[in-house]
Amino acid sequence: MMLLSLLFAASAVSARVMDTLAAIPKDWKHVRPATASEPIALRIALHQQHAEALEQAVIEMSTPGHPNYGMHMSLKELRSYTAPSEKSTTVVTQWLRKYGIEPEVDNDWVSFTTTVGAASDLLGTSFAWYQYAEGGSPKLRTLSYSVPDEVAAQIDLVQPTTRFGQLGAKKSTIFEMHRLEEAEVAVNLAAANAPTKVNLAAAASCSPYVTPACLKSLYSIGYTPSASANNKVAFCSYLEEYARYTDLQSFETKFVSAAKGQNFTVELVNGGLNDQASSDDSGEANLDIQYILGTSHPIPIVEYSTGGRGPLVPTKDQPTPPGSNEPYLEFLTYILAKPDSALPQTISTSYGEEEQSIPQSMRTRSATCSCSSPTFPAGCPYVTSVGATSGSNPEKAVSFSSGGFSIYHARPAYQSTAVATYLKGIGSTYAAYFNASGRAIPDVSAQGVNFQVIDKGYTSLLSGTSASSPVFAGIVALLNAARKSQGNAPLGFLNPWLYNNTAFFTDITTGYGSGCSSNRAFRSGARWNATVGWDPVTGLGTPKFDQLLAAAAPGVTNA
């Protein structure tokens, strides 16, 4: 009997720690232990059979000159790469059912809702409620979790468990916002709606305020495609921000008269809403829709409104609804399940958070100077990261334009030449404070200061890389429209193409991005300088649309 007991105990502890944190992350505090009866929703990522082959295939179809360039995958083909083995699905579902959990399986994801007590037993851990110092809803998390060895071999991660990332002010990269008096708006209004090329050229300085007209002039955008449901551009909204129809109508009237009457469609994800009467912030969402439209009109636009903190008012017993705090993951699984015909060709997201707040396994599946907080998802090698500039003749980097080197993702091959040249140029500067072999960001840049936006009926000025991202997304949407007009595939994953066409960007060589102000090693903070060639402030530079158009769709006229 004693021998049997010892054998049972040995098998019970035969488990693998999947992720662990040494302590509660900085700026978080423990609120209270979770009670066993509280609900919790979790997702398990099953191990994909052909993940490495998928990465290789994506690079091949995205690299100009390769025989597979432009041969994008269908959803069915993608799932053949990401599909788990039959053994993985069987082992994981049987493991869950032993705990009375009936899971929902969708290719390589397993979702389920259970109680904290059952989840704690399942994962060999204890859950508790934690609160971020700067606000936001409390989160149900743990500092470590384990699974049986047999299960560990079949999965990549279980979340949300150890992910403490905070969706708050840091995540929306609006650096500054304030309202303008209508008299100030009138100063640039005539130039914004100027019908002649002469007047547009005069507005090209984008000073003191940015408008769609000055952006088109500055970046030589003359191409206007035909509207087509087969070519769409989309943007992501989080944090209960909703783009407003009435504000867009006012923006069109004031700044983009040719687009009057164009609207956008909304798709709701993870309990997201489209609350046109909301009293919450809407500056980010309005900035996205107005400058995507201002750049890419008349291409159809979709807003993905993704819930992430839940509609209910938090209480002591239920601070936040189960499964309401993983918006990135929810959005990605939603978009990956859509049929090919429903997918947009370009998606802009102006949100991010510190890379170190995301468990490494989740960073890999979702797919900077360390003291200046490298960001996620910008640091993912399969995302095009956009920095910010201001002014003209010359444009210059702005101090809030974050960039640097990922602490987790290796530098991809498409960046090898451009980034190696930069690193050689700076020598040992800051060498101890960043991962020189990491994926480098940003890739490109665009204007990011003093954008005129209509928000809740008022004209406001917004600044930040949040402004740069929708501008560049609109430009990519135009390039895709031009390619489709010739019967060609859209650009798809963009980065290898960008780094193959570096001459078609205006190199930004003045200005800097600053950071590390809280690090004792730097009295006045540290900075990345804009310099000749790629740099970790402005990337390859700002777009020369006429030349990019000629490279993407030879023969399409920029007019």
Protein backbone atom coordinates (compact mmCIF):
# COMPACT_ATOMS: atom_id res chain seq x y z
CA MET A 1 0.00 0.00 0.00
CA MET A 2 2.86 2.36 0.86
CA LEU A 3 4.54 1.58 -2.48
CA LEU A 4 1.35 2.35 -4.38
CA SER A 5 1.00 5.68 -2.60
CA LEU A 6 4.55 6.68 -3.45
CA LEU A 7 4.07 5.77 -7.10
CA PHE A 8 0.88 7.81 -7.26
CA ALA A 9 2.57 10.83 -5.71
CA ALA A 10 5.43 10.62 -8.20
CA SER A 11 3.05 10.60 -11.18
CA ALA A 12 1.04 13.49 -9.73
CA VAL A 13 4.04 15.83 -9.76
CA SER A 14 5.22 14.76 -13.22
CA ALA A 15 4.38 18.11 -14.77
CA ARG A 16 6.13 20.77 -16.80
CA VAL A 17 6.16 24.44 -15.88
CA MET A 18 4.95 26.24 -19.02
CA ASP A 19 5.58 29.79 -17.84
CA THR A 20 6.56 31.45 -14.60
CA LEU A 21 7.17 34.97 -13.29
CA ALA A 22 9.65 35.62 -10.52
CA ALA A 23 7.42 38.28 -8.98
CA ILE A 24 4.36 40.41 -9.62
CA PRO A 25 5.25 42.64 -12.59
CA LYS A 26 6.23 46.25 -11.97
CA ASP A 27 3.33 48.67 -11.33
CA TRP A 28 0.92 45.82 -10.50
CA LYS A 29 -0.42 44.85 -7.10
CA HIS A 30 -2.25 41.86 -5.67
CA VAL A 31 -5.88 42.72 -4.89
CA ARG A 32 -7.26 39.48 -3.47
CA PRO A 33 -7.22 35.73 -4.07
CA ALA A 34 -9.80 34.48 -6.55
CA THR A 35 -12.60 32.35 -5.16
CA ALA A 36 -13.03 28.82 -6.46
CA SER A 37 -16.51 29.50 -7.86
CA GLU A 38 -15.57 32.49 -10.03
CA PRO A 39 -15.75 31.87 -13.78
CA ILE A 40 -12.69 31.95 -16.03
CA ALA A 41 -12.30 31.54 -19.79
CA LEU A 42 -9.05 30.20 -21.22
CA ARG A 43 -7.52 29.32 -24.58
CA ILE A 44 -4.98 26.63 -25.34
CA ALA A 45 -2.76 26.89 -28.41
CA LEU A 46 -2.08 23.42 -29.76
CA HIS A 47 1.36 22.77 -31.21
CA GLN A 48 1.32 23.37 -34.96
CA GLN A 49 2.79 20.56 -37.06
CA HIS A 50 4.38 22.73 -39.76
CA ALA A 51 5.13 26.11 -38.13
CA GLU A 52 8.65 26.42 -39.56
CA ALA A 53 7.47 25.47 -43.04
CA LEU A 54 4.75 28.13 -42.76
CA GLU A 55 7.28 30.84 -41.93
CA GLN A 56 9.39 29.83 -44.92
CA ALA A 57 6.37 29.82 -47.23
CA VAL A 58 5.33 33.30 -46.07
CA ILE A 59 8.80 34.71 -46.75
CA GLU A 60 8.91 33.12 -50.21
CA MET A 61 5.54 34.47 -51.31
CA SER A 62 6.46 37.94 -49.97
CA THR A 63 9.94 38.30 -51.47
CA PRO A 64 10.20 39.95 -54.91
CA GLY A 65 12.00 37.75 -57.40
CA HIS A 66 11.10 34.47 -55.76
CA PRO A 67 9.08 32.08 -57.97
CA ASN A 68 6.34 32.00 -55.32
CA TYR A 69 6.08 35.79 -54.97
CA GLY A 70 2.45 36.89 -54.78
CA MET A 71 1.07 33.35 -54.48
CA HIS A 72 -0.83 34.01 -51.27
CA MET A 73 -2.43 31.19 -49.30
CA SER A 74 -6.11 30.47 -49.01
CA LEU A 75 -7.58 29.85 -45.56
CA LYS A 76 -7.62 26.13 -46.31
CA GLU A 77 -3.94 26.15 -47.25
CA LEU A 78 -3.03 28.16 -44.17
CA ARG A 79 -4.82 25.73 -41.90
CA SER A 80 -2.95 22.82 -43.44
CA TYR A 81 0.22 24.41 -42.03
CA THR A 82 -1.19 25.40 -38.64
CA ALA A 83 -3.17 22.23 -38.02
CA PRO A 84 -2.18 20.24 -34.92
CA SER A 85 -1.67 16.51 -35.02
CA GLU A 86 -4.60 14.25 -34.22
CA LYS A 87 -2.66 13.12 -31.14
CA SER A 88 -2.37 16.71 -29.85
CA THR A 89 -6.11 17.30 -30.14
CA THR A 90 -6.96 13.98 -28.52
CA VAL A 91 -4.52 14.29 -25.62
CA VAL A 92 -5.62 17.83 -24.73
CA THR A 93 -9.37 17.26 -25.02
CA GLN A 94 -9.17 14.06 -22.95
CA TRP A 95 -7.12 15.90 -20.31
CA LEU A 96 -9.76 18.64 -20.06
CA ARG A 97 -12.65 16.19 -19.86
CA LYS A 98 -11.05 14.55 -16.83
CA TYR A 99 -11.77 17.83 -15.06
CA GLY A 100 -15.34 18.03 -16.29
CA ILE A 101 -14.50 20.57 -18.98
CA GLU A 102 -16.05 20.30 -22.45
CA PRO A 103 -13.77 22.24 -24.82
CA GLU A 104 -14.41 23.87 -28.18
CA VAL A 105 -11.76 23.00 -30.77
CA ASP A 106 -11.03 25.22 -33.78
CA ASN A 107 -8.01 23.93 -35.71
CA ASP A 108 -5.03 24.81 -33.46
CA TRP A 109 -7.01 26.56 -30.71
CA VAL A 110 -8.94 25.02 -27.84
CA SER A 111 -11.30 27.30 -25.90
CA PHE A 112 -13.21 26.60 -22.70
CA THR A 113 -14.92 28.24 -19.74
CA THR A 114 -14.71 26.76 -16.27
CA THR A 115 -14.33 27.86 -12.65
CA VAL A 116 -11.21 29.20 -10.97
CA GLY A 117 -11.14 26.12 -8.77
CA ALA A 118 -11.14 23.74 -11.71
CA ALA A 119 -8.61 25.85 -13.63
CA SER A 120 -6.30 25.96 -10.62
CA ASP A 121 -6.39 22.18 -10.31
CA LEU A 122 -5.95 21.78 -14.06
CA LEU A 123 -2.88 24.03 -14.23
CA GLY A 124 -1.37 23.33 -10.80
CA THR A 125 -1.63 26.97 -9.76
CA SER A 126 -3.59 29.58 -7.84
CA PHE A 127 -5.34 32.50 -9.53
CA ALA A 128 -5.77 35.93 -7.99
CA TRP A 129 -6.99 39.40 -8.92
CA TYR A 130 -4.33 41.98 -9.77
CA GLN A 131 -4.62 45.72 -10.37
CA TYR A 132 -2.45 47.99 -12.51
CA ALA A 133 -1.27 51.12 -10.69
CA GLU A 134 -2.40 53.51 -13.42
CA GLY A 135 -5.94 52.16 -13.56
CA GLY A 136 -7.97 49.83 -15.72
CA SER A 137 -9.99 46.81 -14.66
CA PRO A 138 -8.54 44.21 -12.29
CA LYS A 139 -7.26 41.08 -14.02
CA LEU A 140 -7.52 37.43 -13.08
CA ARG A 141 -3.97 36.09 -13.38
CA THR A 142 -1.38 33.72 -11.96
CA LEU A 143 2.39 33.90 -11.68
CA SER A 144 3.05 30.36 -12.90
CA TYR A 145 1.28 27.38 -14.40
CA SER A 146 2.09 23.77 -15.23
CA VAL A 147 0.59 20.95 -17.23
CA PRO A 148 1.30 17.20 -17.30
CA ASP A 149 4.35 16.22 -19.35
CA GLU A 150 2.26 14.43 -21.94
CA VAL A 151 0.09 17.52 -22.43
CA ALA A 152 3.05 19.90 -22.46
CA ALA A 153 4.46 18.16 -25.52
CA GLN A 154 1.25 18.93 -27.42
CA ILE A 155 0.68 22.62 -26.62
CA ASP A 156 2.41 26.01 -26.91
CA LEU A 157 0.57 28.07 -24.30
CA VAL A 158 -2.47 28.55 -22.09
CA GLN A 159 -3.72 32.14 -21.75
CA PRO A 160 -4.74 34.42 -20.13
CA THR A 161 -2.63 33.18 -17.25
CA THR A 162 0.72 34.96 -16.86
CA ARG A 163 0.07 37.82 -19.30
CA PHE A 164 -0.03 41.09 -17.35
CA GLY A 165 -0.10 43.50 -20.30
CA GLN A 166 -2.25 46.53 -19.60
CA LEU A 167 -4.58 48.06 -22.17
CA GLY A 168 -4.58 51.67 -21.10
CA ALA A 169 -3.17 55.02 -22.09
CA LYS A 170 0.16 53.52 -23.18
CA LYS A 171 -1.49 51.21 -25.63
CA SER A 172 -3.05 53.89 -27.76
CA THR A 173 -0.07 55.74 -29.14
CA ILE A 174 -1.71 59.16 -29.27
CA PHE A 175 1.01 61.34 -27.80
CA GLU A 176 -0.98 64.56 -27.62
CA MET A 177 -4.51 65.80 -28.30
CA HIS A 178 -6.23 69.17 -27.87
CA ARG A 179 -9.17 71.00 -29.38
CA LEU A 180 -8.85 73.87 -31.83
CA GLU A 181 -10.97 76.98 -31.95
CA GLU A 182 -12.92 77.20 -35.19
CA ALA A 183 -11.03 80.37 -36.12
CA GLU A 184 -7.81 78.35 -36.07
CA VAL A 185 -9.40 75.66 -38.23
CA ALA A 186 -10.26 78.23 -40.89
CA VAL A 187 -6.58 79.13 -41.35
CA ASN A 188 -5.79 75.94 -43.23
CA LEU A 189 -9.25 75.00 -44.45
CA ALA A 190 -8.93 76.70 -47.83
CA ALA A 191 -5.64 74.96 -48.52
CA ALA A 192 -7.07 71.63 -47.35
CA ASN A 193 -9.83 71.77 -49.95
CA ALA A 194 -7.72 73.45 -52.65
CA PRO A 195 -8.63 72.09 -56.08
CA THR A 196 -5.47 73.12 -57.91
CA LYS A 197 -2.03 71.54 -57.93
CA VAL A 198 -0.48 74.94 -57.20
CA ASN A 199 -2.45 75.33 -53.98
CA LEU A 200 -1.80 71.74 -53.02
CA ALA A 201 1.92 72.32 -53.38
CA ALA A 202 1.64 75.32 -51.06
CA ALA A 203 -0.01 73.09 -48.47
CA ALA A 204 2.69 70.42 -48.78
CA SER A 205 4.57 71.60 -45.71
CA CYS A 206 1.86 70.11 -43.47
CA SER A 207 2.43 73.07 -41.19
CA PRO A 208 1.10 74.13 -38.82
CA TYR A 209 -1.54 71.42 -39.18
CA VAL A 210 -1.78 68.16 -41.12
CA THR A 211 -4.68 67.55 -43.50
CA PRO A 212 -5.33 64.86 -46.13
CA ALA A 213 -4.49 67.36 -48.87
CA CYS A 214 -1.06 68.20 -47.49
CA LEU A 215 -0.26 64.51 -47.04
CA LYS A 216 -1.17 63.76 -50.64
CA SER A 217 0.99 66.61 -51.83
CA LEU A 218 3.92 65.83 -49.53
CA TYR A 219 3.99 62.16 -50.51
CA SER A 220 3.10 62.67 -54.21
CA ILE A 221 -0.21 60.77 -54.05
CA GLY A 222 -2.22 61.41 -57.19
CA TYR A 223 -3.77 58.00 -57.85
CA THR A 224 -7.50 57.57 -57.23
CA PRO A 225 -8.72 53.99 -57.65
CA SER A 226 -12.22 52.82 -58.39
CA ALA A 227 -14.22 51.66 -55.38
CA SER A 228 -14.20 47.89 -55.17
CA ALA A 229 -15.51 45.47 -52.57
CA ASN A 230 -12.63 43.19 -53.60
CA ASN A 231 -10.12 45.57 -52.09
CA LYS A 232 -10.71 46.74 -48.53
CA VAL A 233 -8.70 48.48 -45.85
CA ALA A 234 -9.47 48.00 -42.16
CA PHE A 235 -8.51 49.34 -38.75
CA CYS A 236 -8.73 47.96 -35.22
CA SER A 237 -10.55 49.69 -32.37
CA TYR A 238 -10.10 48.68 -28.73
CA LEU A 239 -10.76 50.19 -25.29
CA GLU A 240 -14.41 50.97 -26.08
CA GLU A 241 -13.43 53.55 -28.71
CA TYR A 242 -15.84 53.84 -31.63
CA ALA A 243 -15.42 55.82 -34.83
CA ARG A 244 -18.35 58.18 -35.25
CA TYR A 245 -20.42 58.49 -38.42
CA THR A 246 -21.32 62.14 -37.83
CA ASP A 247 -17.71 63.11 -37.21
CA LEU A 248 -16.66 61.42 -40.43
CA GLN A 249 -19.33 63.30 -42.35
CA SER A 250 -18.06 66.59 -40.91
CA PHE A 251 -14.47 65.65 -41.71
CA GLU A 252 -15.40 64.88 -45.31
CA THR A 253 -17.21 68.21 -45.65
CA LYS A 254 -14.30 70.19 -44.23
CA PHE A 255 -11.27 68.34 -45.53
CA VAL A 256 -12.10 65.71 -48.19
CA SER A 257 -14.98 67.03 -50.23
CA ALA A 258 -14.41 64.42 -52.95
CA ALA A 259 -15.23 61.71 -50.39
CA LYS A 260 -18.55 63.18 -49.20
CA GLY A 261 -21.02 60.39 -48.61
CA GLN A 262 -18.49 57.58 -48.07
CA ASN A 263 -19.02 55.68 -44.83
CA PHE A 264 -17.46 52.65 -43.16
CA THR A 265 -18.75 49.29 -41.98
CA VAL A 266 -18.27 47.87 -38.49
CA GLU A 267 -17.65 44.28 -37.45
CA LEU A 268 -17.99 43.41 -33.76
CA VAL A 269 -15.44 41.09 -32.14
CA ASN A 270 -15.33 39.59 -28.63
CA GLY A 271 -18.31 41.58 -27.39
CA GLY A 272 -17.23 44.81 -29.06
CA LEU A 273 -19.84 47.49 -29.64
CA ASN A 274 -20.63 50.32 -32.03
CA ASP A 275 -21.93 52.84 -29.53
CA GLN A 276 -22.37 56.07 -31.47
CA ALA A 277 -23.62 57.84 -28.32
CA SER A 278 -20.72 56.77 -26.10
CA SER A 279 -19.24 59.43 -23.81
CA ASP A 280 -15.88 57.62 -23.76
CA ASP A 281 -12.84 58.69 -25.76
CA SER A 282 -13.16 58.39 -29.53
CA GLY A 283 -10.12 60.35 -30.73
CA GLU A 284 -8.10 57.29 -31.72
CA ALA A 285 -10.90 55.67 -33.69
CA ASN A 286 -11.84 58.91 -35.43
CA LEU A 287 -8.19 59.56 -36.30
CA ASP A 288 -7.95 56.10 -37.87
CA ILE A 289 -11.07 56.29 -40.02
CA GLN A 290 -10.57 59.90 -41.09
CA TYR A 291 -6.97 59.57 -42.25
CA ILE A 292 -7.36 56.16 -43.83
CA LEU A 293 -10.25 57.64 -45.81
CA GLY A 294 -8.37 60.88 -46.45
CA THR A 295 -5.51 58.93 -48.00
CA SER A 296 -7.26 56.01 -49.71
CA HIS A 297 -10.72 57.26 -50.78
CA PRO A 298 -12.84 55.64 -52.25
CA ILE A 299 -11.57 52.21 -51.08
CA PRO A 300 -14.11 50.58 -48.69
CA ILE A 301 -13.13 50.73 -45.01
CA VAL A 302 -13.95 48.32 -42.16
CA GLU A 303 -13.67 49.01 -38.44
CA TYR A 304 -13.09 45.95 -36.22
CA SER A 305 -14.50 46.94 -32.84
CA THR A 306 -12.98 44.45 -30.40
CA GLY A 307 -14.15 44.19 -26.80
CA GLY A 308 -11.50 43.67 -24.18
CA ARG A 309 -12.72 44.94 -20.84
CA GLY A 310 -16.34 44.00 -20.96
CA PRO A 311 -19.55 46.02 -20.85
CA LEU A 312 -20.49 45.33 -17.24
CA VAL A 313 -19.64 47.57 -14.30
CA PRO A 314 -16.97 45.82 -12.18
CA THR A 315 -18.01 44.63 -8.73
CA LYS A 316 -16.11 43.10 -5.83
CA ASP A 317 -17.32 39.62 -6.71
CA GLN A 318 -16.93 39.98 -10.47
CA PRO A 319 -14.38 42.68 -11.37
CA THR A 320 -14.33 41.78 -15.05
CA PRO A 321 -16.14 39.18 -17.16
CA PRO A 322 -14.27 35.97 -18.03
CA GLY A 323 -12.38 36.12 -21.30
CA SER A 324 -12.79 39.87 -21.66
CA ASN A 325 -9.15 40.86 -21.37
CA GLU A 326 -7.33 39.31 -24.31
CA PRO A 327 -8.39 41.57 -27.21
CA TYR A 328 -5.35 40.97 -29.43
CA LEU A 329 -5.76 37.22 -29.25
CA GLU A 330 -9.51 37.46 -29.73
CA PHE A 331 -9.09 39.70 -32.75
CA LEU A 332 -6.43 37.51 -34.35
CA THR A 333 -8.43 34.31 -33.95
CA TYR A 334 -11.48 36.11 -35.36
CA ILE A 335 -9.69 37.42 -38.42
CA LEU A 336 -7.95 34.11 -39.10
CA ALA A 337 -11.30 32.31 -39.18
CA LYS A 338 -12.80 34.59 -41.83
CA PRO A 339 -13.27 33.28 -45.38
CA ASP A 340 -10.82 34.55 -47.97
CA SER A 341 -13.43 36.71 -49.68
CA ALA A 342 -14.18 38.61 -46.45
CA LEU A 343 -10.58 39.53 -45.59
CA PRO A 344 -9.30 43.10 -45.97
CA GLN A 345 -6.02 43.44 -47.84
CA THR A 346 -4.62 46.02 -45.40
CA ILE A 347 -5.17 46.31 -41.63
CA SER A 348 -3.98 49.21 -39.46
CA THR A 349 -3.65 48.99 -35.69
CA SER A 350 -2.52 51.99 -33.65
CA TYR A 351 -2.24 50.14 -30.36
CA GLY A 352 0.71 48.57 -28.60
CA GLU A 353 2.14 47.67 -25.23
CA GLU A 354 5.49 46.90 -23.71
CA GLU A 355 6.95 43.77 -25.30
CA GLN A 356 8.14 42.46 -21.95
CA SER A 357 4.53 42.33 -20.70
CA ILE A 358 3.67 39.56 -23.19
CA PRO A 359 4.68 35.96 -22.42
CA GLN A 360 7.19 34.84 -25.04
CA SER A 361 5.01 31.93 -26.14
CA MET A 362 2.16 34.33 -26.86
CA ARG A 363 4.43 36.70 -28.79
CA THR A 364 5.44 33.84 -31.04
CA ARG A 365 1.88 32.70 -31.57
CA SER A 366 0.61 36.19 -32.22
CA ALA A 367 2.72 36.82 -34.72
CA THR A 368 14.20 48.78 -28.93
CA CYS A 369 16.50 49.68 -26.50
CA SER A 370 15.42 47.56 -23.56
CA CYS A 371 15.22 50.48 -21.16
CA SER A 372 12.93 52.35 -23.55
CA SER A 373 10.32 49.59 -23.61
CA PRO A 374 10.24 47.78 -26.97
CA THR A 375 6.65 47.38 -28.06
CA PHE A 376 4.26 44.61 -29.06
CA PRO A 377 2.92 43.90 -31.66
CA ALA A 378 5.20 46.33 -33.55
CA GLY A 379 8.22 44.13 -32.79
CA CYS A 380 6.69 41.12 -34.54
CA PRO A 381 8.67 40.40 -37.75
CA TYR A 382 5.40 39.98 -39.67
CA VAL A 383 4.05 43.44 -38.81
CA THR A 384 5.02 46.64 -40.62
CA SER A 385 5.96 49.13 -37.90
CA VAL A 386 5.50 52.86 -38.59
CA GLY A 387 7.44 55.70 -36.95
CA ALA A 388 6.58 59.40 -36.92
CA THR A 389 7.96 62.54 -38.58
CA SER A 390 7.04 66.21 -38.74
CA GLY A 391 7.66 69.20 -40.98
CA SER A 392 9.06 69.22 -44.50
CA ASN A 393 12.14 70.32 -46.43
CA PRO A 394 13.34 68.31 -44.62
CA GLU A 395 11.00 66.07 -42.66
CA LYS A 396 12.50 65.16 -39.33
CA ALA A 397 12.01 62.48 -36.70
CA VAL A 398 9.94 63.40 -33.66
CA SER A 399 11.01 62.56 -30.14
CA PHE A 400 8.02 60.36 -29.31
CA SER A 401 8.66 58.08 -32.30
CA SER A 402 9.47 54.84 -30.47
CA GLY A 403 11.77 52.28 -32.00
CA GLY A 404 14.71 50.02 -31.36
CA PHE A 405 15.26 46.29 -31.17
CA SER A 406 13.07 43.42 -30.01
CA ILE A 407 14.20 41.59 -26.90
CA TYR A 408 12.62 38.35 -28.14
CA HIS A 409 12.36 38.21 -31.94
CA ALA A 410 15.54 37.67 -33.95
CA ARG A 411 16.30 40.09 -36.77
CA PRO A 412 14.66 38.74 -39.95
CA ALA A 413 16.72 38.20 -43.09
CA TYR A 414 14.89 40.94 -45.01
CA GLN A 415 16.41 43.51 -42.60
CA SER A 416 19.95 42.13 -42.53
CA THR A 417 21.65 44.63 -44.85
CA ALA A 418 19.84 47.80 -43.79
CA VAL A 419 20.16 47.22 -40.05
CA ALA A 420 23.74 45.90 -40.19
CA THR A 421 24.79 49.15 -41.87
CA TYR A 422 23.18 51.18 -39.09
CA LEU A 423 24.76 49.09 -36.32
CA LYS A 424 28.18 49.43 -37.90
CA GLY A 425 27.71 53.17 -37.97
CA ILE A 426 26.89 53.55 -34.25
CA GLY A 427 29.65 51.20 -33.08
CA SER A 428 29.42 50.47 -29.36
CA THR A 429 26.90 53.21 -28.53
CA TYR A 430 24.36 51.84 -26.03
CA ALA A 431 25.68 48.33 -26.78
CA ALA A 432 24.91 47.10 -23.26
CA TYR A 433 21.34 48.32 -23.38
CA PHE A 434 19.76 46.73 -26.44
CA ASN A 435 19.59 43.44 -28.29
CA ALA A 436 21.63 44.13 -31.43
CA SER A 437 20.50 40.85 -33.01
CA GLY A 438 16.80 41.60 -32.47
CA ARG A 439 14.10 42.50 -34.98
CA ALA A 440 14.53 46.23 -35.60
CA ILE A 441 11.68 48.77 -35.64
CA PRO A 442 10.21 50.82 -37.20
CA ASP A 443 10.24 49.80 -40.85
CA VAL A 444 8.93 53.06 -42.33
CA SER A 445 7.54 56.38 -41.14
CA ALA A 446 5.06 59.12 -41.97
CA GLN A 447 3.83 62.44 -40.58
CA GLY A 448 2.65 62.20 -36.97
CA VAL A 449 2.21 65.72 -35.53
CA ASN A 450 -0.81 68.06 -35.40
CA PHE A 451 -3.37 66.09 -37.39
CA GLN A 452 -6.72 67.87 -37.69
CA VAL A 453 -9.42 65.42 -36.60
CA ILE A 454 -13.14 65.92 -36.03
CA ASP A 455 -13.99 64.37 -32.67
CA LYS A 456 -17.42 64.70 -31.02
CA GLY A 457 -18.20 67.60 -33.30
CA TYR A 458 -15.04 69.59 -32.57
CA THR A 459 -11.84 69.98 -34.57
CA SER A 460 -8.91 68.69 -32.53
CA LEU A 461 -5.18 68.30 -33.08
CA LEU A 462 -3.76 64.82 -32.51
CA SER A 463 -0.12 63.79 -32.53
CA GLY A 464 1.52 60.37 -32.25
CA THR A 465 2.52 57.31 -34.21
CA SER A 466 -1.20 56.57 -34.04
CA ALA A 467 -1.50 59.19 -36.76
CA SER A 468 1.33 57.75 -38.86
CA SER A 469 -0.08 54.23 -39.01
CA PRO A 470 -3.42 54.97 -40.75
CA VAL A 471 -1.64 57.24 -43.24
CA PHE A 472 0.71 54.48 -44.30
CA ALA A 473 -2.13 51.94 -44.28
CA GLY A 474 -4.05 54.15 -46.70
CA ILE A 475 -1.01 54.30 -48.99
CA VAL A 476 -0.66 50.52 -48.98
CA ALA A 477 -4.37 50.19 -49.74
CA LEU A 478 -3.85 52.37 -52.83
CA LEU A 479 -0.94 50.20 -53.97
CA ASN A 480 -3.06 47.09 -53.54
CA ALA A 481 -5.90 48.69 -55.50
CA ALA A 482 -3.50 49.50 -58.34
CA ARG A 483 -2.20 45.94 -58.41
CA LYS A 484 -5.70 44.49 -58.41
CA SER A 485 -6.66 46.78 -61.29
CA GLN A 486 -4.06 44.89 -63.32
CA GLY A 487 -5.27 41.48 -62.17
CA ASN A 488 -2.33 41.01 -59.79
CA ALA A 489 -2.38 39.79 -56.21
CA PRO A 490 -2.18 42.36 -53.39
CA LEU A 491 1.18 42.95 -51.76
CA GLY A 492 0.31 40.79 -48.76
CA PHE A 493 3.02 40.64 -46.08
CA LEU A 494 4.81 43.85 -46.92
CA ASN A 495 8.24 43.96 -45.30
CA PRO A 496 10.44 42.00 -47.75
CA TRP A 497 9.03 44.16 -50.58
CA LEU A 498 9.76 47.36 -48.65
CA TYR A 499 13.37 46.42 -47.96
CA ASN A 500 13.77 45.51 -51.64
CA ASN A 501 12.63 49.02 -52.62
CA THR A 502 14.49 51.26 -50.18
CA ALA A 503 15.19 53.88 -52.87
CA PHE A 504 11.49 54.74 -53.01
CA PHE A 505 11.51 56.36 -49.56
CA THR A 506 12.71 59.77 -48.48
CA ASP A 507 15.55 59.12 -46.07
CA ILE A 508 15.03 61.05 -42.83
CA THR A 509 18.37 62.16 -41.40
CA THR A 510 17.46 64.77 -38.76
CA GLY A 511 15.69 64.51 -35.43
CA TYR A 512 15.72 61.74 -32.85
CA GLY A 513 13.57 59.45 -30.72
CA SER A 514 14.10 59.65 -26.96
CA GLY A 515 13.61 57.18 -24.14
CA CYS A 516 15.19 55.60 -21.05
CA SER A 517 14.40 58.71 -18.97
CA SER A 518 13.77 56.55 -15.90
CA ASN A 519 17.04 54.62 -16.24
CA ARG A 520 19.78 55.78 -13.88
CA ALA A 521 22.42 54.96 -16.48
CA PHE A 522 21.24 57.97 -18.52
CA ARG A 523 21.04 61.33 -16.77
CA SER A 524 18.96 62.92 -19.50
CA GLY A 525 17.60 59.79 -21.10
CA ALA A 526 18.93 58.17 -24.24
CA ARG A 527 18.13 58.75 -27.87
CA TRP A 528 18.18 57.08 -31.25
CA ASN A 529 19.21 59.56 -33.91
CA ALA A 530 17.76 59.66 -37.40
CA THR A 531 20.63 59.08 -39.79
CA VAL A 532 21.51 58.12 -43.36
CA GLY A 533 19.82 54.85 -44.29
CA TRP A 534 17.59 52.80 -41.99
CA ASP A 535 17.46 53.98 -38.37
CA PRO A 536 15.41 52.95 -35.29
CA VAL A 537 13.38 56.16 -35.32
CA THR A 538 12.09 56.53 -38.88
CA GLY A 539 12.99 53.19 -40.45
CA LEU A 540 13.56 53.41 -44.19
CA GLY A 541 11.95 56.85 -44.27
CA THR A 542 8.72 58.33 -45.62
CA PRO A 543 6.99 57.16 -48.81
CA LYS A 544 7.51 58.47 -52.32
CA PHE A 545 4.15 57.23 -53.49
CA ASP A 546 4.71 57.83 -57.20
CA GLN A 547 7.80 55.63 -57.16
CA LEU A 548 6.23 52.98 -54.96
CA LEU A 549 3.27 52.87 -57.34
CA ALA A 550 5.57 52.40 -60.34
CA ALA A 551 7.28 49.51 -58.54
CA ALA A 552 4.07 47.85 -57.30
CA ALA A 553 1.94 48.32 -60.42
CA PRO A 554 4.02 49.36 -63.46
CA GLY A 555 1.89 51.24 -65.96
CA VAL A 556 -0.75 52.53 -63.53
CA THR A 557 -0.83 56.31 -63.76
CA ASN A 558 -0.39 58.36 -60.60
CA ALA A 559 -3.29 60.68 -61.42
